[in-house]
């Protein structure tokens, strides 16, 4: 919107400059043409009066024609400059505000860095405690598992040992019985067994 307005004002300005240039050029050519045909006298001539009058009329007409666009051009330009100045003033105020914020941050930077370091140390200590607690819990679980495994292994070894002892005891008992029983005792045992079966 502003660029369109600026473009229109510049076009008008160029038209005015062109019109004034044409008027001045035309007036100059009229003056040169009138001087070429006449001899210049020291006295005020009627032709000179008309020249001055024509120039005055053209100057007044040019003034009234160019007055409004020129005033508009300069007032719009004045407004543009005022807007730019207020915009720059606002930017300067914002920059000063940011500068003050940064300066305050730089002043508090040492204190903030100490707070950050203290916070990290605190977090590290909390993590250390948590890790130690988790490790202790894990160690307790591993100890319980080891105890259970040992108990199971002990029970299995005990059962295996009892089985081996029983087998050895049977073998020795069998050997003892074989040594202590004679062939007559064997025959008596067979006879008793057969009597029980028959009865």
N, C-alpha and C. Protein backbone atom coordinates (compact mmCIF):
# COMPACT_ATOMS: atom_id res chain seq x y z
N UNK A 1 0.83 -1.20 0.00
CA UNK A 1 0.00 0.00 0.00
C UNK A 1 0.87 1.25 0.00
N UNK A 2 1.87 1.27 0.86
CA UNK A 2 2.76 2.43 0.94
C UNK A 2 3.59 2.57 -0.33
N UNK A 3 4.01 1.45 -0.89
CA UNK A 3 4.83 1.52 -2.11
C UNK A 3 4.01 2.06 -3.28
N UNK A 4 2.70 1.69 -3.35
CA UNK A 4 1.83 2.24 -4.41
C UNK A 4 1.68 3.75 -4.26
N UNK A 5 1.50 4.17 -3.00
CA UNK A 5 1.35 5.60 -2.73
C UNK A 5 2.63 6.34 -3.10
N UNK A 6 3.76 5.76 -2.74
CA UNK A 6 5.04 6.39 -3.09
C UNK A 6 5.21 6.47 -4.60
N UNK A 7 4.81 5.41 -5.30
CA UNK A 7 4.93 5.40 -6.76
C UNK A 7 4.07 6.48 -7.40
N UNK A 8 2.84 6.64 -6.91
CA UNK A 8 1.94 7.67 -7.45
C UNK A 8 2.51 9.06 -7.21
N UNK A 9 3.03 9.25 -5.99
CA UNK A 9 3.58 10.58 -5.68
C UNK A 9 4.80 10.89 -6.55
N UNK A 10 5.61 9.90 -6.80
CA UNK A 10 6.78 10.13 -7.65
C UNK A 10 6.37 10.43 -9.09
N UNK A 11 5.34 9.73 -9.58
CA UNK A 11 4.85 10.01 -10.94
C UNK A 11 4.34 11.43 -11.04
N UNK A 12 3.58 11.86 -10.01
CA UNK A 12 3.08 13.24 -10.03
C UNK A 12 4.24 14.23 -9.99
N UNK A 13 5.19 13.93 -9.16
CA UNK A 13 6.34 14.81 -9.05
C UNK A 13 7.06 14.92 -10.40
N UNK A 14 7.23 13.79 -11.09
CA UNK A 14 7.87 13.81 -12.41
C UNK A 14 7.04 14.59 -13.42
N UNK A 15 5.70 14.46 -13.36
CA UNK A 15 4.83 15.21 -14.26
C UNK A 15 4.97 16.72 -14.02
N UNK A 16 5.03 17.08 -12.74
CA UNK A 16 5.15 18.51 -12.41
C UNK A 16 6.48 19.05 -12.90
N UNK A 17 7.54 18.31 -12.65
CA UNK A 17 8.86 18.75 -13.10
C UNK A 17 8.88 18.87 -14.62
N UNK A 18 8.26 17.91 -15.30
CA UNK A 18 8.20 17.96 -16.76
C UNK A 18 7.40 19.16 -17.25
N UNK A 19 6.27 19.42 -16.58
CA UNK A 19 5.43 20.55 -16.98
C UNK A 19 6.18 21.86 -16.78
N UNK A 20 6.84 22.00 -15.63
CA UNK A 20 7.58 23.24 -15.38
C UNK A 20 8.73 23.38 -16.38
N UNK A 21 9.38 22.27 -16.72
CA UNK A 21 10.45 22.30 -17.70
C UNK A 21 9.94 22.76 -19.06
N UNK A 22 8.77 22.23 -19.45
CA UNK A 22 8.16 22.64 -20.73
C UNK A 22 7.83 24.12 -20.71
N UNK A 23 7.27 24.59 -19.59
CA UNK A 23 6.91 26.01 -19.49
C UNK A 23 8.15 26.91 -19.59
N UNK A 24 9.19 26.52 -18.84
CA UNK A 24 10.41 27.34 -18.86
C UNK A 24 11.03 27.33 -20.25
N UNK A 25 11.05 26.13 -20.87
CA UNK A 25 11.63 26.03 -22.21
C UNK A 25 10.81 26.85 -23.21
N UNK A 26 9.48 26.73 -23.12
CA UNK A 26 8.61 27.51 -24.03
C UNK A 26 8.77 29.00 -23.82
N UNK A 27 8.82 29.41 -22.57
CA UNK A 27 8.99 30.82 -22.27
C UNK A 27 10.34 31.31 -22.78
N UNK A 28 11.38 30.50 -22.60
CA UNK A 28 12.71 30.88 -23.08
C UNK A 28 12.74 31.01 -24.59
N UNK A 29 12.06 30.09 -25.29
CA UNK A 29 12.05 30.18 -26.76
C UNK A 29 11.27 31.39 -27.23
N UNK A 30 10.17 31.74 -26.51
CA UNK A 30 9.41 32.96 -26.87
C UNK A 30 10.29 34.19 -26.67
N UNK A 31 11.02 34.22 -25.58
CA UNK A 31 11.88 35.37 -25.31
C UNK A 31 12.97 35.47 -26.35
N UNK A 32 13.60 34.35 -26.71
CA UNK A 32 14.66 34.37 -27.71
C UNK A 32 14.13 34.78 -29.08
N UNK A 33 12.93 34.29 -29.41
CA UNK A 33 12.35 34.63 -30.72
C UNK A 33 12.01 36.11 -30.78
N UNK A 34 11.49 36.65 -29.69
CA UNK A 34 11.13 38.06 -29.71
C UNK A 34 12.38 38.96 -29.73
N UNK A 35 13.45 38.50 -29.08
CA UNK A 35 14.67 39.29 -29.07
C UNK A 35 15.39 39.23 -30.41
N UNK A 36 15.25 38.12 -31.11
CA UNK A 36 15.94 37.98 -32.40
C UNK A 36 15.39 38.96 -33.42
N UNK A 37 14.12 39.30 -33.34
CA UNK A 37 13.52 40.20 -34.33
C UNK A 37 13.63 41.66 -33.96
N UNK A 38 13.95 41.96 -32.74
CA UNK A 38 13.99 43.36 -32.30
C UNK A 38 15.36 43.70 -31.75
N UNK A 39 15.62 44.96 -31.80
CA UNK A 39 16.85 45.47 -31.22
C UNK A 39 16.55 45.81 -29.78
N UNK A 40 17.41 45.42 -28.90
CA UNK A 40 17.18 45.63 -27.48
C UNK A 40 17.45 47.11 -27.18
N UNK A 41 16.46 47.72 -26.45
CA UNK A 41 16.60 49.12 -26.05
C UNK A 41 16.75 49.21 -24.56
N UNK A 42 17.28 50.30 -24.11
CA UNK A 42 17.46 50.51 -22.69
C UNK A 42 16.16 50.88 -22.01
N UNK A 43 15.22 51.30 -22.71
CA UNK A 43 13.97 51.73 -22.11
C UNK A 43 13.02 50.53 -22.00
N UNK A 44 12.07 50.68 -21.14
CA UNK A 44 11.08 49.62 -20.91
C UNK A 44 10.14 49.62 -22.07
N UNK A 45 10.12 48.50 -22.79
CA UNK A 45 9.29 48.42 -23.97
C UNK A 45 8.00 47.68 -23.67
N UNK A 46 7.08 47.86 -24.59
CA UNK A 46 5.78 47.18 -24.45
C UNK A 46 5.96 45.66 -24.52
N UNK A 47 6.87 45.20 -25.33
CA UNK A 47 7.12 43.75 -25.47
C UNK A 47 7.67 43.21 -24.17
N UNK A 48 8.53 43.97 -23.52
CA UNK A 48 9.09 43.52 -22.25
C UNK A 48 8.00 43.41 -21.19
N UNK A 49 7.04 44.30 -21.22
CA UNK A 49 5.92 44.24 -20.26
C UNK A 49 5.14 42.96 -20.45
N UNK A 50 4.86 42.63 -21.72
CA UNK A 50 4.12 41.39 -21.98
C UNK A 50 4.93 40.15 -21.59
N UNK A 51 6.21 40.25 -21.77
CA UNK A 51 7.06 39.12 -21.38
C UNK A 51 6.99 38.90 -19.87
N UNK A 52 7.13 39.96 -19.13
CA UNK A 52 7.08 39.85 -17.67
C UNK A 52 5.71 39.39 -17.22
N UNK A 53 4.67 39.95 -17.87
CA UNK A 53 3.30 39.56 -17.53
C UNK A 53 3.07 38.08 -17.83
N UNK A 54 3.50 37.63 -19.02
CA UNK A 54 3.39 36.20 -19.37
C UNK A 54 4.14 35.32 -18.35
N UNK A 55 5.33 35.76 -18.03
CA UNK A 55 6.11 34.99 -17.07
C UNK A 55 5.40 34.94 -15.71
N UNK A 56 4.87 36.06 -15.27
CA UNK A 56 4.16 36.11 -13.99
C UNK A 56 2.94 35.20 -14.00
N UNK A 57 2.17 35.26 -15.11
CA UNK A 57 0.98 34.40 -15.21
C UNK A 57 1.37 32.93 -15.19
N UNK A 58 2.40 32.60 -15.97
CA UNK A 58 2.88 31.21 -16.00
C UNK A 58 3.40 30.77 -14.63
N UNK A 59 4.11 31.67 -13.97
CA UNK A 59 4.64 31.33 -12.65
C UNK A 59 3.51 31.12 -11.65
N UNK A 60 2.49 32.00 -11.69
CA UNK A 60 1.36 31.85 -10.77
C UNK A 60 0.58 30.58 -11.09
N UNK A 61 0.34 30.33 -12.40
CA UNK A 61 -0.38 29.11 -12.82
C UNK A 61 0.42 27.87 -12.41
N UNK A 62 1.72 27.93 -12.65
CA UNK A 62 2.57 26.80 -12.24
C UNK A 62 2.53 26.59 -10.73
N UNK A 63 2.50 27.72 -9.99
CA UNK A 63 2.45 27.61 -8.54
C UNK A 63 1.15 26.92 -8.09
N UNK A 64 0.00 27.38 -8.65
CA UNK A 64 -1.29 26.81 -8.25
C UNK A 64 -1.45 25.36 -8.73
N UNK A 65 -0.91 25.08 -9.90
CA UNK A 65 -1.01 23.70 -10.42
C UNK A 65 -0.11 22.76 -9.61
N UNK A 66 1.10 23.24 -9.31
CA UNK A 66 2.07 22.37 -8.64
C UNK A 66 1.95 22.42 -7.12
N UNK A 67 1.18 23.37 -6.59
CA UNK A 67 1.13 23.56 -5.15
C UNK A 67 0.64 22.31 -4.42
N UNK A 68 -0.52 21.80 -4.83
CA UNK A 68 -1.12 20.67 -4.12
C UNK A 68 -0.26 19.40 -4.21
N UNK A 69 0.18 19.00 -5.42
CA UNK A 69 1.02 17.80 -5.48
C UNK A 69 2.35 17.96 -4.74
N UNK A 70 2.94 19.15 -4.83
CA UNK A 70 4.21 19.37 -4.14
C UNK A 70 4.00 19.31 -2.64
N UNK A 71 2.92 19.95 -2.15
CA UNK A 71 2.62 19.92 -0.72
C UNK A 71 2.35 18.47 -0.28
N UNK A 72 1.55 17.77 -1.11
CA UNK A 72 1.28 16.36 -0.78
C UNK A 72 2.56 15.54 -0.78
N UNK A 73 3.40 15.79 -1.77
CA UNK A 73 4.65 15.04 -1.84
C UNK A 73 5.49 15.28 -0.59
N UNK A 74 5.66 16.55 -0.23
CA UNK A 74 6.50 16.85 0.92
C UNK A 74 5.86 16.43 2.23
N UNK A 75 4.50 16.55 2.31
CA UNK A 75 3.86 16.11 3.55
C UNK A 75 3.93 14.59 3.68
N UNK A 76 3.75 13.87 2.54
CA UNK A 76 3.87 12.41 2.61
C UNK A 76 5.31 12.01 2.92
N UNK A 77 6.24 12.74 2.33
CA UNK A 77 7.65 12.45 2.61
C UNK A 77 7.95 12.74 4.08
N UNK A 78 7.38 13.83 4.59
CA UNK A 78 7.55 14.18 5.99
C UNK A 78 6.96 13.08 6.89
N UNK A 79 5.78 12.57 6.49
CA UNK A 79 5.14 11.50 7.25
C UNK A 79 5.98 10.22 7.21
N UNK A 80 6.53 9.93 6.01
CA UNK A 80 7.38 8.74 5.87
C UNK A 80 8.60 8.85 6.78
N UNK A 81 9.20 10.04 6.78
CA UNK A 81 10.38 10.25 7.63
C UNK A 81 10.01 10.13 9.10
N UNK A 82 8.84 10.70 9.48
CA UNK A 82 8.39 10.60 10.88
C UNK A 82 8.14 9.15 11.26
N UNK A 83 7.50 8.41 10.33
CA UNK A 83 7.25 6.98 10.61
C UNK A 83 8.56 6.20 10.75
N UNK A 84 9.50 6.50 9.86
CA UNK A 84 10.79 5.83 9.94
C UNK A 84 11.51 6.18 11.24
N UNK A 85 11.43 7.45 11.62
CA UNK A 85 12.06 7.87 12.87
C UNK A 85 11.42 7.18 14.08
N UNK A 86 10.06 7.11 14.09
CA UNK A 86 9.40 6.44 15.22
C UNK A 86 9.74 4.95 15.22
N UNK A 87 9.81 4.34 14.01
CA UNK A 87 10.18 2.94 13.92
C UNK A 87 11.61 2.73 14.43
N UNK A 88 12.51 3.61 14.01
CA UNK A 88 13.90 3.51 14.48
C UNK A 88 13.99 3.76 15.98
N UNK A 89 13.17 4.69 16.47
CA UNK A 89 13.16 4.97 17.91
C UNK A 89 12.68 3.74 18.68
N UNK A 90 11.63 3.09 18.14
CA UNK A 90 11.11 1.88 18.77
C UNK A 90 12.17 0.77 18.76
N UNK A 91 12.84 0.62 17.60
CA UNK A 91 13.90 -0.39 17.50
C UNK A 91 15.03 -0.09 18.48
N UNK A 92 15.37 1.20 18.60
CA UNK A 92 16.43 1.58 19.53
C UNK A 92 16.02 1.27 20.97
N UNK A 93 14.74 1.55 21.30
CA UNK A 93 14.26 1.26 22.66
C UNK A 93 14.29 -0.25 22.92
N UNK A 94 13.87 -1.03 21.92
CA UNK A 94 13.91 -2.49 22.07
C UNK A 94 15.35 -2.97 22.24
N UNK A 95 16.25 -2.40 21.44
CA UNK A 95 17.66 -2.80 21.53
C UNK A 95 18.24 -2.44 22.90
N UNK A 96 17.89 -1.25 23.40
CA UNK A 96 18.37 -0.85 24.73
C UNK A 96 17.81 -1.77 25.81
N UNK A 97 16.55 -2.16 25.65
CA UNK A 97 15.92 -3.08 26.61
C UNK A 97 16.64 -4.43 26.60
N UNK A 98 16.91 -4.94 25.39
CA UNK A 98 17.62 -6.23 25.28
C UNK A 98 19.04 -6.09 25.85
N UNK A 99 19.67 -4.97 25.57
CA UNK A 99 21.02 -4.74 26.10
C UNK A 99 21.01 -4.75 27.63
N UNK A 100 20.00 -4.09 28.21
CA UNK A 100 19.89 -4.08 29.67
C UNK A 100 19.66 -5.50 30.20
N UNK A 101 18.82 -6.27 29.49
CA UNK A 101 18.57 -7.66 29.91
C UNK A 101 19.86 -8.47 29.86
N UNK A 102 20.60 -8.32 28.75
CA UNK A 102 21.85 -9.07 28.60
C UNK A 102 22.88 -8.65 29.64
N UNK A 103 22.94 -7.36 29.92
CA UNK A 103 23.88 -6.90 30.95
C UNK A 103 23.52 -7.47 32.31
N UNK A 104 22.20 -7.51 32.61
CA UNK A 104 21.76 -8.10 33.88
C UNK A 104 22.10 -9.59 33.92
N UNK A 105 21.92 -10.26 32.77
CA UNK A 105 22.25 -11.69 32.72
C UNK A 105 23.74 -11.89 32.91
N UNK A 106 24.55 -11.04 32.28
CA UNK A 106 26.00 -11.17 32.44
C UNK A 106 26.42 -10.93 33.89
N UNK A 107 25.75 -9.99 34.56
CA UNK A 107 26.06 -9.74 35.96
C UNK A 107 25.73 -10.97 36.81
N UNK A 108 24.59 -11.60 36.48
CA UNK A 108 24.15 -12.76 37.26
C UNK A 108 24.71 -14.07 36.72
N UNK A 109 25.56 -14.00 35.70
CA UNK A 109 26.06 -15.22 35.06
C UNK A 109 26.87 -16.07 36.02
N UNK A 110 27.71 -15.42 36.83
CA UNK A 110 28.54 -16.17 37.77
C UNK A 110 27.65 -16.89 38.78
N UNK A 111 26.67 -16.16 39.30
CA UNK A 111 25.77 -16.76 40.28
C UNK A 111 24.94 -17.88 39.64
N UNK A 112 24.47 -17.66 38.41
CA UNK A 112 23.69 -18.68 37.71
C UNK A 112 24.53 -19.91 37.43
N UNK A 113 25.81 -19.70 37.04
CA UNK A 113 26.67 -20.85 36.77
C UNK A 113 26.90 -21.64 38.05
N UNK A 114 27.06 -20.95 39.19
CA UNK A 114 27.22 -21.66 40.47
C UNK A 114 25.96 -22.46 40.80
N UNK A 115 24.79 -21.86 40.55
CA UNK A 115 23.54 -22.57 40.80
C UNK A 115 23.41 -23.79 39.89
N UNK A 116 23.80 -23.63 38.62
CA UNK A 116 23.73 -24.75 37.68
C UNK A 116 24.67 -25.87 38.12
N UNK A 117 25.90 -25.51 38.51
CA UNK A 117 26.85 -26.52 38.97
C UNK A 117 26.33 -27.23 40.22
N UNK A 118 25.78 -26.44 41.16
CA UNK A 118 25.23 -27.03 42.38
C UNK A 118 24.06 -27.97 42.05
N UNK A 119 23.23 -27.56 41.09
CA UNK A 119 22.11 -28.40 40.68
C UNK A 119 22.60 -29.70 40.06
N UNK A 120 23.64 -29.61 39.21
CA UNK A 120 24.19 -30.83 38.61
C UNK A 120 24.82 -31.73 39.68
N UNK A 121 25.49 -31.14 40.65
CA UNK A 121 26.09 -31.94 41.73
C UNK A 121 24.99 -32.65 42.52
N UNK A 122 23.91 -31.90 42.80
CA UNK A 122 22.78 -32.49 43.53
C UNK A 122 22.18 -33.64 42.74
N UNK A 123 21.97 -33.43 41.44
CA UNK A 123 21.43 -34.50 40.60
C UNK A 123 22.37 -35.70 40.57
N UNK A 124 23.69 -35.43 40.52
CA UNK A 124 24.67 -36.52 40.52
C UNK A 124 24.63 -37.32 41.82
N UNK A 125 24.50 -36.60 42.94
CA UNK A 125 24.42 -37.29 44.23
C UNK A 125 23.16 -38.14 44.30
N UNK A 126 22.03 -37.59 43.83
CA UNK A 126 20.79 -38.36 43.83
C UNK A 126 20.91 -39.59 42.94
N UNK A 127 21.55 -39.43 41.78
CA UNK A 127 21.75 -40.57 40.87
C UNK A 127 22.66 -41.61 41.52
N UNK A 128 23.70 -41.14 42.24
CA UNK A 128 24.62 -42.05 42.92
C UNK A 128 23.88 -42.87 43.97
N UNK A 129 23.05 -42.20 44.78
CA UNK A 129 22.28 -42.89 45.82
C UNK A 129 21.34 -43.91 45.18
N UNK A 130 20.67 -43.49 44.12
CA UNK A 130 19.73 -44.38 43.43
C UNK A 130 20.46 -45.60 42.85
N UNK A 131 21.62 -45.36 42.23
CA UNK A 131 22.39 -46.46 41.63
C UNK A 131 22.87 -47.41 42.72
N UNK A 132 23.34 -46.85 43.86
CA UNK A 132 23.81 -47.71 44.96
C UNK A 132 22.66 -48.54 45.53
N UNK A 133 21.48 -47.92 45.66
CA UNK A 133 20.31 -48.66 46.16
C UNK A 133 19.93 -49.78 45.20
N UNK A 134 19.93 -49.45 43.88
CA UNK A 134 19.61 -50.48 42.90
C UNK A 134 20.66 -51.60 42.92
N UNK A 135 21.94 -51.23 43.07
CA UNK A 135 22.99 -52.24 43.12
C UNK A 135 22.85 -53.11 44.36
N UNK A 136 22.50 -52.50 45.51
CA UNK A 136 22.31 -53.27 46.74
C UNK A 136 21.13 -54.24 46.58
N UNK A 137 20.04 -53.76 45.99
CA UNK A 137 18.87 -54.63 45.75
C UNK A 137 19.24 -55.77 44.82
N UNK A 138 20.01 -55.45 43.78
CA UNK A 138 20.45 -56.48 42.84
C UNK A 138 21.37 -57.49 43.53
N UNK A 139 22.25 -57.00 44.39
CA UNK A 139 23.15 -57.89 45.14
C UNK A 139 22.36 -58.80 46.06
N UNK A 140 21.32 -58.24 46.73
CA UNK A 140 20.47 -59.06 47.59
C UNK A 140 19.79 -60.16 46.79
N UNK A 141 19.27 -59.80 45.61
CA UNK A 141 18.62 -60.80 44.76
C UNK A 141 19.61 -61.88 44.35
N UNK A 142 20.83 -61.47 43.95
CA UNK A 142 21.84 -62.44 43.55
C UNK A 142 22.24 -63.34 44.72
N UNK A 143 22.33 -62.75 45.92
CA UNK A 143 22.67 -63.55 47.11
C UNK A 143 21.59 -64.57 47.40
N UNK A 144 20.30 -64.13 47.31
CA UNK A 144 19.19 -65.07 47.52
C UNK A 144 19.23 -66.19 46.50
N UNK A 145 19.46 -65.83 45.23
CA UNK A 145 19.54 -66.85 44.18
C UNK A 145 20.69 -67.81 44.44
N UNK A 146 21.83 -67.28 44.88
CA UNK A 146 22.99 -68.14 45.17
C UNK A 146 22.68 -69.09 46.33
N UNK A 147 22.01 -68.57 47.38
CA UNK A 147 21.65 -69.42 48.52
C UNK A 147 20.73 -70.55 48.08
N UNK A 148 19.71 -70.18 47.27
CA UNK A 148 18.78 -71.21 46.78
C UNK A 148 19.52 -72.25 45.95
N UNK A 149 20.41 -71.77 45.08
CA UNK A 149 21.16 -72.70 44.23
C UNK A 149 22.02 -73.62 45.08
N UNK A 150 22.68 -73.04 46.09
CA UNK A 150 23.52 -73.85 46.98
C UNK A 150 22.67 -74.89 47.72
N UNK A 151 21.49 -74.45 48.23
CA UNK A 151 20.62 -75.38 48.95
C UNK A 151 20.18 -76.52 48.04
N UNK A 152 19.79 -76.16 46.79
CA UNK A 152 19.36 -77.20 45.85
C UNK A 152 20.51 -78.15 45.54
N UNK A 153 21.69 -77.58 45.31
CA UNK A 153 22.85 -78.43 45.04
C UNK A 153 23.18 -79.33 46.25
N UNK A 154 23.05 -78.76 47.45
CA UNK A 154 23.32 -79.52 48.67
C UNK A 154 22.32 -80.66 48.82
N UNK A 155 21.02 -80.37 48.59
CA UNK A 155 19.99 -81.40 48.68
C UNK A 155 20.24 -82.51 47.66
N UNK A 156 20.58 -82.08 46.42
CA UNK A 156 20.85 -83.07 45.38
C UNK A 156 22.06 -83.92 45.75
N UNK A 157 23.11 -83.31 46.28
CA UNK A 157 24.31 -84.04 46.68
C UNK A 157 24.00 -84.98 47.84
N UNK A 158 23.18 -84.50 48.78
CA UNK A 158 22.80 -85.32 49.94
C UNK A 158 22.01 -86.53 49.49
N UNK A 159 21.03 -86.30 48.57
CA UNK A 159 20.22 -87.41 48.07
C UNK A 159 21.09 -88.41 47.32
N UNK A 160 22.00 -87.89 46.52
CA UNK A 160 22.90 -88.76 45.76
C UNK A 160 23.79 -89.56 46.72
N UNK A 161 24.27 -88.90 47.75
CA UNK A 161 25.13 -89.57 48.73
C UNK A 161 24.36 -90.64 49.50
N UNK A 162 23.10 -90.30 49.88
CA UNK A 162 22.27 -91.27 50.58
C UNK A 162 22.01 -92.50 49.70
N UNK A 163 21.75 -92.22 48.42
CA UNK A 163 21.51 -93.33 47.48
C UNK A 163 22.76 -94.21 47.38
N UNK A 164 23.93 -93.57 47.25
CA UNK A 164 25.18 -94.34 47.16
C UNK A 164 25.43 -95.13 48.45
N UNK A 165 25.15 -94.48 49.60
CA UNK A 165 25.34 -95.16 50.90
C UNK A 165 24.40 -96.36 50.99
N UNK A 166 23.15 -96.15 50.54
CA UNK A 166 22.18 -97.27 50.60
C UNK A 166 22.64 -98.42 49.72
N UNK A 167 23.11 -98.09 48.52
CA UNK A 167 23.58 -99.14 47.62
C UNK A 167 24.78 -99.88 48.22
N UNK A 168 25.72 -99.10 48.77
CA UNK A 168 26.88 -99.73 49.39
C UNK A 168 26.48 -100.59 50.58
N UNK A 169 25.53 -100.09 51.37
CA UNK A 169 25.06 -100.85 52.54
C UNK A 169 24.41 -102.15 52.09
N UNK A 170 23.65 -102.10 51.04
CA UNK A 170 23.00 -103.31 50.54
C UNK A 170 24.05 -104.30 50.02
N UNK A 171 25.01 -103.74 49.31
CA UNK A 171 26.06 -104.62 48.79
C UNK A 171 26.82 -105.30 49.94
N UNK A 172 27.14 -104.53 50.98
CA UNK A 172 27.87 -105.09 52.11
C UNK A 172 26.98 -106.08 52.89
N UNK A 173 25.70 -105.69 53.02
CA UNK A 173 24.79 -106.60 53.74
C UNK A 173 24.67 -107.90 52.97
N UNK A 174 24.59 -107.80 51.65
CA UNK A 174 24.50 -109.00 50.81
C UNK A 174 25.77 -109.84 50.95
N UNK A 175 26.90 -109.14 50.96
CA UNK A 175 28.17 -109.87 51.11
C UNK A 175 28.24 -110.55 52.49
N UNK A 176 27.80 -109.84 53.52
CA UNK A 176 27.82 -110.39 54.88
C UNK A 176 26.88 -111.59 54.97
N UNK A 177 25.73 -111.46 54.36
CA UNK A 177 24.75 -112.56 54.40
C UNK A 177 25.29 -113.75 53.65
N UNK A 178 25.92 -113.49 52.50
CA UNK A 178 26.47 -114.60 51.72
C UNK A 178 27.55 -115.33 52.49
N UNK A 179 28.34 -114.58 53.22
CA UNK A 179 29.43 -115.20 54.00
C UNK A 179 28.88 -115.97 55.20
N UNK A 180 27.83 -115.42 55.84
CA UNK A 180 27.33 -116.04 57.07
C UNK A 180 26.36 -117.19 56.80
N UNK A 181 25.79 -117.30 55.67
CA UNK A 181 24.82 -118.36 55.37
C UNK A 181 25.56 -119.51 54.67
N UNK A 182 25.30 -120.63 55.19
CA UNK A 182 25.90 -121.83 54.58
C UNK A 182 24.92 -122.45 53.61
N UNK A 183 25.33 -123.47 52.92
CA UNK A 183 24.45 -124.12 51.95
C UNK A 183 23.28 -124.80 52.65
N UNK A 184 23.47 -125.28 53.88
CA UNK A 184 22.37 -125.91 54.62
C UNK A 184 21.34 -124.85 54.96
N UNK A 185 21.82 -123.64 55.38
CA UNK A 185 20.89 -122.56 55.73
C UNK A 185 20.09 -122.14 54.50
N UNK A 186 20.75 -122.19 53.39
CA UNK A 186 20.04 -121.82 52.15
C UNK A 186 18.95 -122.87 51.86
N UNK A 187 19.24 -124.08 52.02
CA UNK A 187 18.25 -125.12 51.76
C UNK A 187 17.09 -124.99 52.72
N UNK A 188 17.36 -124.70 53.99
CA UNK A 188 16.29 -124.51 54.98
C UNK A 188 15.41 -123.32 54.60
N UNK A 189 16.00 -122.26 54.15
CA UNK A 189 15.23 -121.06 53.77
C UNK A 189 14.36 -121.36 52.57
N UNK A 190 14.87 -122.15 51.62
CA UNK A 190 14.09 -122.49 50.44
C UNK A 190 12.92 -123.38 50.85
N UNK A 191 13.16 -124.30 51.75
CA UNK A 191 12.09 -125.19 52.21
C UNK A 191 11.02 -124.40 52.93
N UNK A 192 11.44 -123.48 53.76
CA UNK A 192 10.44 -122.66 54.50
C UNK A 192 9.61 -121.81 53.51
N UNK A 193 10.26 -121.33 52.54
CA UNK A 193 9.57 -120.50 51.56
C UNK A 193 8.53 -121.34 50.81
N UNK A 194 8.92 -122.51 50.42
CA UNK A 194 8.02 -123.39 49.68
C UNK A 194 6.84 -123.83 50.56
N UNK A 195 7.08 -124.03 51.82
CA UNK A 195 6.00 -124.42 52.74
C UNK A 195 4.99 -123.28 52.83
N UNK A 196 5.50 -122.07 52.90
CA UNK A 196 4.60 -120.91 52.99
C UNK A 196 3.79 -120.76 51.71
N UNK A 197 4.40 -121.03 50.59
CA UNK A 197 3.72 -120.89 49.30
C UNK A 197 2.67 -121.98 49.16
N UNK A 198 3.01 -123.21 49.56
CA UNK A 198 2.07 -124.33 49.43
C UNK A 198 0.91 -124.13 50.40
N UNK A 199 1.16 -123.70 51.60
CA UNK A 199 0.11 -123.52 52.59
C UNK A 199 -0.73 -122.36 52.19
